[in-house]
Amino acid sequence: MASRRLAMPLLAVSFVSLILGIWAGLVRVGWPWPTLTQDFWLAHGPLMVSGFVGTLIAVERAAALGKRWGYAAPALTAAGALVLVATTLWVGPLLIVLGSVVLAALFAVILSRQPNPSTAVMLLGAAAWVAGNVLWLASYPDLDLDAVILWWMAFLVLIIAGERLELSRVLRLPRGATVAFLLLADAFIVGAAWTAFQLGAGAVLAGIALLGLSGWLLRFDIARIQIRQKGLSRFIAAALLPGYVWLGLGGIFVSLSALAPFPLVYDAMLHAVFLGFVISMIFAHAPIIFPAVLGLPLPYRPWFYGHLILLHVGLAMRIAGDWTASEPIRQWGALLNGVALVAFLVDTAVAVGIGRKQAHAASA
């Protein structure tokens, strides 16, 4: 109960960050909507990466560790996201930096208790978030995407992929598979660091590493077995597998970004990874994580496929717009992505309500 009382308001702020991030993103892509501040659109990336996903991951890890101090991580990132919207002062980024440091400390404690490759990869991802946030704070209020974005990518990709590596252990991975995974994770970090000296070479290496991780997940992840099952297991796999494809496509775009083979390759790179991969992973894991963190039932419902399909259709439209430099296609694709994320929140809330009614009826 104590964990639930701490987690619920923090998750609520993360969802507020998601709504604000969608709003700022749609303004950024050209929808003529009102804004909260003059530079509101600049908060889109930090709100989505740190305010929403970062807080979500931090809440889940704090609940898993079971230490009250761990909730300082999501509390700091949630507060930082709100400050970020209210003012352009450096306080918001500083709070997010501090929150990421606490999250890295959480993973360090978890690694000391569970010394295994998957936890080590997740700690590496948390450390990458610290690095990216420090670089962001150093350049604030400007956002040097070339310096920051691969570190933010590494944060989310390595934590999510590390969790999938942990789950894949039940398949008795062949000799060398884990070593290959670790080499790819390290290569991505090296590529991110290399961009500070040679942007093109670093981007190529990081992109190849992402493509390799995509191939590894498609080959070894348990989702390839779950897709043949029914109900929740199939839905999870149906969310994971396309997400892995988007990760590979994002890796190709990262490698090509320095060459600019089409007008908006940077936009395609960002959204293939952050939307196609990261949000697909959230859709897949929500029915498992939310009950574990909040103690609330979240029964699977077939309509969950609705927000999943909307996400992929909208993203395909957006990248088609990037490829052809068509602003209307980009804008409508972005709007569909926003609708998919809002639909995810609504579908989740409705399913929780149904689950609570079922639980109450069963106990009556």
Protein backbone atom coordinates (compact mmCIF):
# COMPACT_ATOMS: atom_id res chain seq x y z
CA MET A 1 0.00 0.00 0.00
CA ALA A 2 2.85 2.41 0.80
CA SER A 3 4.40 1.68 -2.58
CA ARG A 4 1.07 2.31 -4.30
CA ARG A 5 0.60 5.65 -2.52
CA LEU A 6 4.01 6.77 -3.72
CA ALA A 7 3.63 5.43 -7.25
CA MET A 8 0.16 6.68 -8.19
CA PRO A 9 0.80 10.46 -8.09
CA LEU A 10 4.12 10.03 -9.88
CA LEU A 11 2.53 7.97 -12.64
CA ALA A 12 -0.19 10.63 -12.89
CA VAL A 13 2.47 13.30 -13.50
CA SER A 14 4.13 11.07 -16.09
CA PHE A 15 0.81 10.84 -17.94
CA VAL A 16 0.40 14.62 -17.72
CA SER A 17 3.90 14.90 -19.23
CA LEU A 18 2.78 12.58 -22.01
CA ILE A 19 -0.25 14.75 -22.82
CA LEU A 20 1.85 17.92 -22.74
CA GLY A 21 4.54 16.22 -24.85
CA ILE A 22 1.96 15.22 -27.47
CA TRP A 23 0.60 18.76 -27.51
CA ALA A 24 4.07 20.30 -27.88
CA GLY A 25 4.95 17.78 -30.60
CA LEU A 26 1.88 18.57 -32.66
CA VAL A 27 2.63 22.28 -32.38
CA ARG A 28 6.21 21.54 -33.43
CA VAL A 29 5.10 19.62 -36.52
CA GLY A 30 2.95 22.53 -37.65
CA TRP A 31 -0.55 22.17 -36.24
CA PRO A 32 -1.78 25.74 -35.51
CA TRP A 33 -2.82 25.11 -31.93
CA PRO A 34 -2.44 27.41 -28.91
CA THR A 35 0.68 26.98 -26.78
CA LEU A 36 1.31 27.36 -23.07
CA THR A 37 4.49 29.41 -23.53
CA GLN A 38 6.34 31.00 -26.44
CA ASP A 39 8.87 28.15 -26.66
CA PHE A 40 6.50 25.38 -25.56
CA TRP A 41 7.30 23.25 -28.61
CA LEU A 42 10.95 22.97 -27.48
CA ALA A 43 9.84 20.90 -24.48
CA HIS A 44 8.47 18.08 -26.67
CA GLY A 45 11.53 15.79 -26.59
CA PRO A 46 12.44 16.25 -22.90
CA LEU A 47 8.80 15.80 -21.86
CA MET A 48 8.48 12.53 -23.77
CA VAL A 49 11.91 11.06 -22.93
CA SER A 50 12.30 12.23 -19.33
CA GLY A 51 8.93 13.43 -18.11
CA PHE A 52 6.95 10.46 -19.43
CA VAL A 53 9.14 7.43 -20.16
CA GLY A 54 11.94 8.28 -17.73
CA THR A 55 9.50 8.77 -14.84
CA LEU A 56 7.64 5.59 -15.82
CA ILE A 57 10.84 3.51 -15.77
CA ALA A 58 11.97 5.11 -12.50
CA VAL A 59 8.65 4.33 -10.77
CA GLU A 60 8.80 0.70 -11.91
CA ARG A 61 12.39 0.27 -10.75
CA ALA A 62 11.75 1.97 -7.39
CA ALA A 63 8.78 -0.34 -6.81
CA ALA A 64 10.88 -3.39 -7.77
CA LEU A 65 13.68 -2.43 -5.36
CA GLY A 66 11.23 -1.67 -2.57
CA LYS A 67 13.25 1.18 -1.06
CA ARG A 68 11.50 4.48 -0.35
CA TRP A 69 14.59 6.49 -1.33
CA GLY A 70 14.30 5.07 -4.83
CA TYR A 71 11.16 7.11 -5.40
CA ALA A 72 13.33 10.22 -5.36
CA ALA A 73 14.23 9.35 -8.98
CA PRO A 74 10.69 9.62 -10.44
CA ALA A 75 9.82 12.46 -8.05
CA LEU A 76 12.73 14.54 -9.35
CA THR A 77 12.09 13.80 -13.03
CA ALA A 78 8.35 14.44 -12.63
CA ALA A 79 9.01 17.76 -10.89
CA GLY A 80 11.59 18.66 -13.53
CA ALA A 81 9.10 18.04 -16.33
CA LEU A 82 6.52 20.34 -14.73
CA VAL A 83 9.10 23.08 -14.12
CA LEU A 84 10.29 22.69 -17.72
CA VAL A 85 6.83 23.61 -19.00
CA ALA A 86 6.40 26.51 -16.58
CA THR A 87 9.73 28.28 -17.14
CA THR A 88 12.87 28.27 -19.26
CA LEU A 89 15.07 28.46 -16.16
CA TRP A 90 17.70 25.73 -15.72
CA VAL A 91 15.90 24.32 -12.67
CA GLY A 92 13.85 21.84 -14.71
CA PRO A 93 16.82 20.23 -16.47
CA LEU A 94 18.77 20.18 -13.19
CA LEU A 95 15.98 18.25 -11.45
CA ILE A 96 15.93 15.77 -14.32
CA VAL A 97 19.71 15.35 -14.10
CA LEU A 98 19.40 14.60 -10.38
CA GLY A 99 16.56 12.15 -11.02
CA SER A 100 18.63 10.29 -13.60
CA VAL A 101 21.52 10.06 -11.13
CA VAL A 102 19.23 8.47 -8.54
CA LEU A 103 17.93 6.02 -11.17
CA ALA A 104 21.51 5.02 -12.00
CA ALA A 105 22.08 4.47 -8.27
CA LEU A 106 18.97 2.26 -8.20
CA PHE A 107 20.35 0.11 -10.98
CA ALA A 108 23.73 -0.05 -9.24
CA VAL A 109 22.05 -1.45 -6.12
CA ILE A 110 20.04 -3.91 -8.21
CA LEU A 111 23.24 -5.02 -9.99
CA SER A 112 24.96 -5.62 -6.64
CA ARG A 113 22.08 -7.92 -5.69
CA GLN A 114 21.63 -9.51 -9.11
CA PRO A 115 25.01 -9.48 -10.88
CA ASN A 116 24.06 -10.55 -14.39
CA PRO A 117 24.58 -9.21 -17.94
CA SER A 118 21.02 -7.90 -18.37
CA THR A 119 21.18 -5.73 -15.25
CA ALA A 120 24.63 -4.48 -16.26
CA VAL A 121 23.21 -3.39 -19.62
CA MET A 122 20.36 -1.57 -17.89
CA LEU A 123 22.81 0.22 -15.61
CA LEU A 124 24.76 1.25 -18.73
CA GLY A 125 21.53 2.67 -20.16
CA ALA A 126 20.83 4.63 -16.97
CA ALA A 127 24.38 6.02 -17.03
CA ALA A 128 23.84 7.09 -20.65
CA TRP A 129 20.76 9.04 -19.52
CA VAL A 130 22.89 10.85 -16.94
CA ALA A 131 25.45 11.72 -19.64
CA GLY A 132 22.81 12.99 -22.04
CA ASN A 133 21.06 15.03 -19.36
CA VAL A 134 24.32 16.64 -18.22
CA LEU A 135 25.09 17.63 -21.82
CA TRP A 136 21.57 19.02 -22.15
CA LEU A 137 21.89 21.05 -18.95
CA ALA A 138 25.25 22.39 -20.13
CA SER A 139 23.71 23.77 -23.33
CA TYR A 140 20.32 24.80 -21.86
CA PRO A 141 18.10 26.57 -22.92
CA ASP A 142 19.37 25.43 -26.32
CA LEU A 143 19.12 21.73 -27.11
CA ASP A 144 22.11 20.40 -29.06
CA LEU A 145 20.46 17.28 -30.49
CA ASP A 146 23.67 16.03 -32.09
CA ALA A 147 25.33 15.95 -28.67
CA VAL A 148 22.38 14.65 -26.65
CA ILE A 149 20.06 12.48 -28.68
CA LEU A 150 22.12 9.29 -28.98
CA TRP A 151 22.63 9.27 -25.20
CA TRP A 152 18.87 9.56 -24.66
CA MET A 153 18.38 6.79 -27.22
CA ALA A 154 20.92 4.61 -25.41
CA PHE A 155 19.04 5.15 -22.14
CA LEU A 156 15.76 3.79 -23.42
CA VAL A 157 17.05 1.19 -25.88
CA LEU A 158 19.51 -0.42 -23.46
CA ILE A 159 17.09 -0.54 -20.52
CA ILE A 160 14.31 -2.06 -22.63
CA ALA A 161 16.63 -4.43 -24.49
CA GLY A 162 18.27 -5.41 -21.18
CA GLU A 163 14.87 -6.40 -19.80
CA ARG A 164 14.21 -8.50 -22.91
CA LEU A 165 17.63 -10.16 -22.52
CA GLU A 166 16.65 -11.13 -18.98
CA LEU A 167 13.37 -12.68 -20.19
CA SER A 168 15.11 -14.51 -23.02
CA ARG A 169 17.15 -16.58 -20.54
CA VAL A 170 14.26 -19.06 -20.30
CA LEU A 171 15.00 -20.05 -23.91
CA ARG A 172 18.52 -21.26 -23.06
CA LEU A 173 20.29 -18.94 -25.45
CA PRO A 174 23.03 -20.46 -27.60
CA ARG A 175 26.63 -19.94 -26.62
CA GLY A 176 27.81 -16.54 -27.73
CA ALA A 177 24.35 -14.93 -27.99
CA THR A 178 24.72 -12.98 -24.75
CA VAL A 179 28.28 -11.97 -25.68
CA ALA A 180 27.01 -10.67 -29.04
CA PHE A 181 24.30 -8.69 -27.25
CA LEU A 182 26.82 -7.10 -24.89
CA LEU A 183 29.16 -6.21 -27.76
CA LEU A 184 26.30 -4.50 -29.61
CA ALA A 185 25.29 -2.54 -26.48
CA ASP A 186 28.89 -1.43 -25.96
CA ALA A 187 29.21 -0.49 -29.65
CA PHE A 188 26.20 1.79 -29.35
CA ILE A 189 27.72 3.59 -26.37
CA VAL A 190 31.05 3.93 -28.19
CA GLY A 191 29.23 5.34 -31.22
CA ALA A 192 27.35 7.86 -29.08
CA ALA A 193 30.62 9.02 -27.49
CA TRP A 194 32.43 9.09 -30.83
CA THR A 195 29.97 11.64 -32.24
CA ALA A 196 31.57 14.27 -30.01
CA PHE A 197 34.73 13.95 -32.13
CA GLN A 198 33.49 12.64 -35.50
CA LEU A 199 29.74 13.00 -35.90
CA GLY A 200 29.47 10.92 -39.06
CA ALA A 201 31.63 7.99 -37.91
CA GLY A 202 29.96 7.87 -34.51
CA ALA A 203 26.48 7.91 -36.06
CA VAL A 204 27.40 5.08 -38.45
CA LEU A 205 28.66 2.88 -35.61
CA ALA A 206 25.66 3.66 -33.40
CA GLY A 207 23.26 2.93 -36.25
CA ILE A 208 24.93 -0.41 -37.03
CA ALA A 209 24.69 -1.32 -33.33
CA LEU A 210 20.95 -0.52 -33.29
CA LEU A 211 20.44 -2.60 -36.42
CA GLY A 212 22.34 -5.45 -34.76
CA LEU A 213 20.24 -5.22 -31.58
CA SER A 214 17.11 -5.28 -33.74
CA GLY A 215 18.29 -8.47 -35.43
CA TRP A 216 19.25 -10.02 -32.09
CA LEU A 217 15.81 -9.34 -30.59
CA LEU A 218 13.99 -10.65 -33.65
CA ARG A 219 16.08 -13.82 -33.53
CA PHE A 220 16.29 -14.57 -29.80
CA ASP A 221 13.45 -12.78 -28.00
CA ILE A 222 10.67 -14.94 -26.56
CA ALA A 223 8.13 -12.89 -28.56
CA ARG A 224 8.74 -15.14 -31.58
CA ILE A 225 7.19 -17.98 -29.55
CA GLN A 226 4.47 -15.90 -27.87
CA ILE A 227 3.08 -14.75 -31.23
CA ARG A 228 1.76 -18.30 -31.75
CA GLN A 229 -0.21 -18.16 -28.49
CA LYS A 230 -3.49 -16.42 -27.68
CA GLY A 231 -4.82 -13.51 -25.66
CA LEU A 232 -2.37 -11.31 -23.76
CA SER A 233 0.71 -13.31 -24.82
CA ARG A 234 -0.07 -12.81 -28.49
CA PHE A 235 -0.83 -9.10 -27.98
CA ILE A 236 2.51 -8.58 -26.23
CA ALA A 237 4.34 -10.30 -29.07
CA ALA A 238 2.33 -8.35 -31.67
CA ALA A 239 3.55 -5.13 -30.03
CA LEU A 240 7.15 -6.26 -29.55
CA LEU A 241 7.97 -7.66 -32.98
CA PRO A 242 7.05 -4.57 -35.05
CA GLY A 243 8.87 -2.50 -32.45
CA TYR A 244 12.04 -4.46 -33.15
CA VAL A 245 11.60 -3.79 -36.87
CA TRP A 246 11.25 -0.06 -36.21
CA LEU A 247 14.42 -0.22 -34.10
CA GLY A 248 16.33 -1.67 -37.04
CA LEU A 249 14.90 0.92 -39.40
CA GLY A 250 15.84 3.61 -36.90
CA GLY A 251 19.38 2.24 -36.85
CA ILE A 252 19.58 2.57 -40.62
CA PHE A 253 18.38 6.18 -40.37
CA VAL A 254 20.93 6.92 -37.62
CA SER A 255 23.74 5.63 -39.85
CA LEU A 256 22.44 7.66 -42.78
CA SER A 257 21.73 10.84 -40.79
CA ALA A 258 25.14 12.39 -41.46
CA LEU A 259 24.64 11.86 -45.20
CA ALA A 260 21.08 13.33 -45.26
CA PRO A 261 19.78 11.02 -48.05
CA PHE A 262 16.29 12.53 -47.79
CA PRO A 263 15.07 15.87 -46.44
CA LEU A 264 13.89 14.89 -42.96
CA VAL A 265 16.03 11.86 -42.13
CA TYR A 266 16.63 13.20 -38.62
CA ASP A 267 12.91 13.30 -37.86
CA ALA A 268 12.51 9.77 -39.22
CA MET A 269 15.44 8.55 -37.11
CA LEU A 270 14.04 10.00 -33.90
CA HIS A 271 10.51 8.75 -34.30
CA ALA A 272 11.36 5.28 -35.62
CA VAL A 273 13.23 4.66 -32.34
CA PHE A 274 11.31 6.73 -29.79
CA LEU A 275 7.81 6.02 -31.14
CA GLY A 276 8.12 2.83 -33.17
CA PHE A 277 10.34 0.99 -30.69
CA VAL A 278 9.93 2.63 -27.26
CA ILE A 279 6.18 3.24 -27.32
CA SER A 280 5.54 -0.24 -28.74
CA MET A 281 7.46 -1.62 -25.76
CA ILE A 282 5.31 0.42 -23.36
CA PHE A 283 2.11 -0.81 -25.01
CA ALA A 284 3.38 -4.39 -24.70
CA HIS A 285 4.49 -4.21 -21.07
CA ALA A 286 1.71 -2.04 -19.61
CA PRO A 287 -0.67 -4.96 -18.80
CA ILE A 288 2.12 -6.52 -16.72
CA ILE A 289 3.87 -3.53 -15.17
CA PHE A 290 0.89 -1.44 -14.08
CA PRO A 291 -0.68 -4.20 -11.94
CA ALA A 292 2.73 -5.00 -10.42
CA VAL A 293 3.38 -1.35 -9.50
CA LEU A 294 -0.11 -0.18 -8.56
CA GLY A 295 -1.72 -3.39 -7.36
CA LEU A 296 -4.61 -2.71 -9.73
CA PRO A 297 -5.91 -5.32 -12.18
CA LEU A 298 -5.38 -4.56 -15.87
CA PRO A 299 -7.07 -7.39 -17.78
CA TYR A 300 -6.24 -7.79 -21.45
CA ARG A 301 -8.91 -6.65 -23.88
CA PRO A 302 -8.90 -7.18 -27.68
CA TRP A 303 -9.44 -3.46 -28.24
CA PHE A 304 -5.82 -2.90 -27.15
CA TYR A 305 -4.96 -3.68 -30.77
CA GLY A 306 -6.68 -0.42 -31.72
CA HIS A 307 -4.10 1.92 -30.21
CA LEU A 308 -1.30 -0.38 -31.36
CA ILE A 309 -2.43 -0.29 -35.00
CA LEU A 310 -2.97 3.48 -34.87
CA LEU A 311 0.58 3.93 -33.61
CA HIS A 312 2.15 2.01 -36.50
CA VAL A 313 -0.08 3.47 -39.20
CA GLY A 314 0.57 7.02 -37.98
CA LEU A 315 4.32 6.44 -37.76
CA ALA A 316 4.44 4.95 -41.27
CA MET A 317 2.63 8.06 -42.54
CA ARG A 318 5.01 10.36 -40.70
CA ILE A 319 8.11 8.68 -42.10
CA ALA A 320 6.57 8.68 -45.59
CA GLY A 321 6.12 12.43 -45.12
CA ASP A 322 9.74 12.72 -44.00
CA TRP A 323 10.90 10.82 -47.09
CA THR A 324 8.86 12.94 -49.52
CA ALA A 325 9.10 16.23 -47.58
CA SER A 326 5.30 16.33 -47.49
CA GLU A 327 4.20 18.46 -44.55
CA PRO A 328 0.51 17.38 -44.69
CA ILE A 329 1.43 13.68 -44.53
CA ARG A 330 3.84 14.33 -41.65
CA GLN A 331 1.24 16.34 -39.78
CA TRP A 332 -1.54 13.78 -40.14
CA GLY A 333 0.83 10.97 -39.22
CA ALA A 334 1.87 12.86 -36.10
CA LEU A 335 -1.78 13.49 -35.21
CA LEU A 336 -2.56 9.76 -35.55
CA ASN A 337 0.36 9.01 -33.23
CA GLY A 338 -1.03 11.47 -30.70
CA VAL A 339 -4.46 9.86 -30.95
CA ALA A 340 -2.86 6.42 -30.45
CA LEU A 341 -1.16 7.54 -27.24
CA VAL A 342 -4.33 9.13 -25.86
CA ALA A 343 -6.28 6.01 -26.83
CA PHE A 344 -3.72 3.94 -24.91
CA LEU A 345 -4.40 5.97 -21.76
CA VAL A 346 -8.17 5.68 -22.21
CA ASP A 347 -8.07 1.94 -23.01
CA THR A 348 -5.88 1.33 -19.98
CA ALA A 349 -8.19 3.29 -17.67
CA VAL A 350 -11.28 1.46 -18.97
CA ALA A 351 -9.59 -1.94 -18.58
CA VAL A 352 -8.57 -1.09 -15.00
CA GLY A 353 -12.18 -0.15 -14.25
CA ILE A 354 -13.41 -3.45 -15.66
CA GLY A 355 -10.78 -5.35 -13.71
CA ARG A 356 -11.76 -3.68 -10.44
CA LYS A 357 -15.43 -4.49 -11.01
CA GLN A 358 -14.58 -8.11 -11.74
CA ALA A 359 -12.41 -8.34 -8.63
CA HIS A 360 -15.16 -6.79 -6.48
CA ALA A 361 -17.78 -9.16 -7.90
CA ALA A 362 -15.52 -12.17 -7.28
CA SER A 363 -14.97 -11.20 -3.63
CA ALA A 364 -18.65 -10.42 -2.94
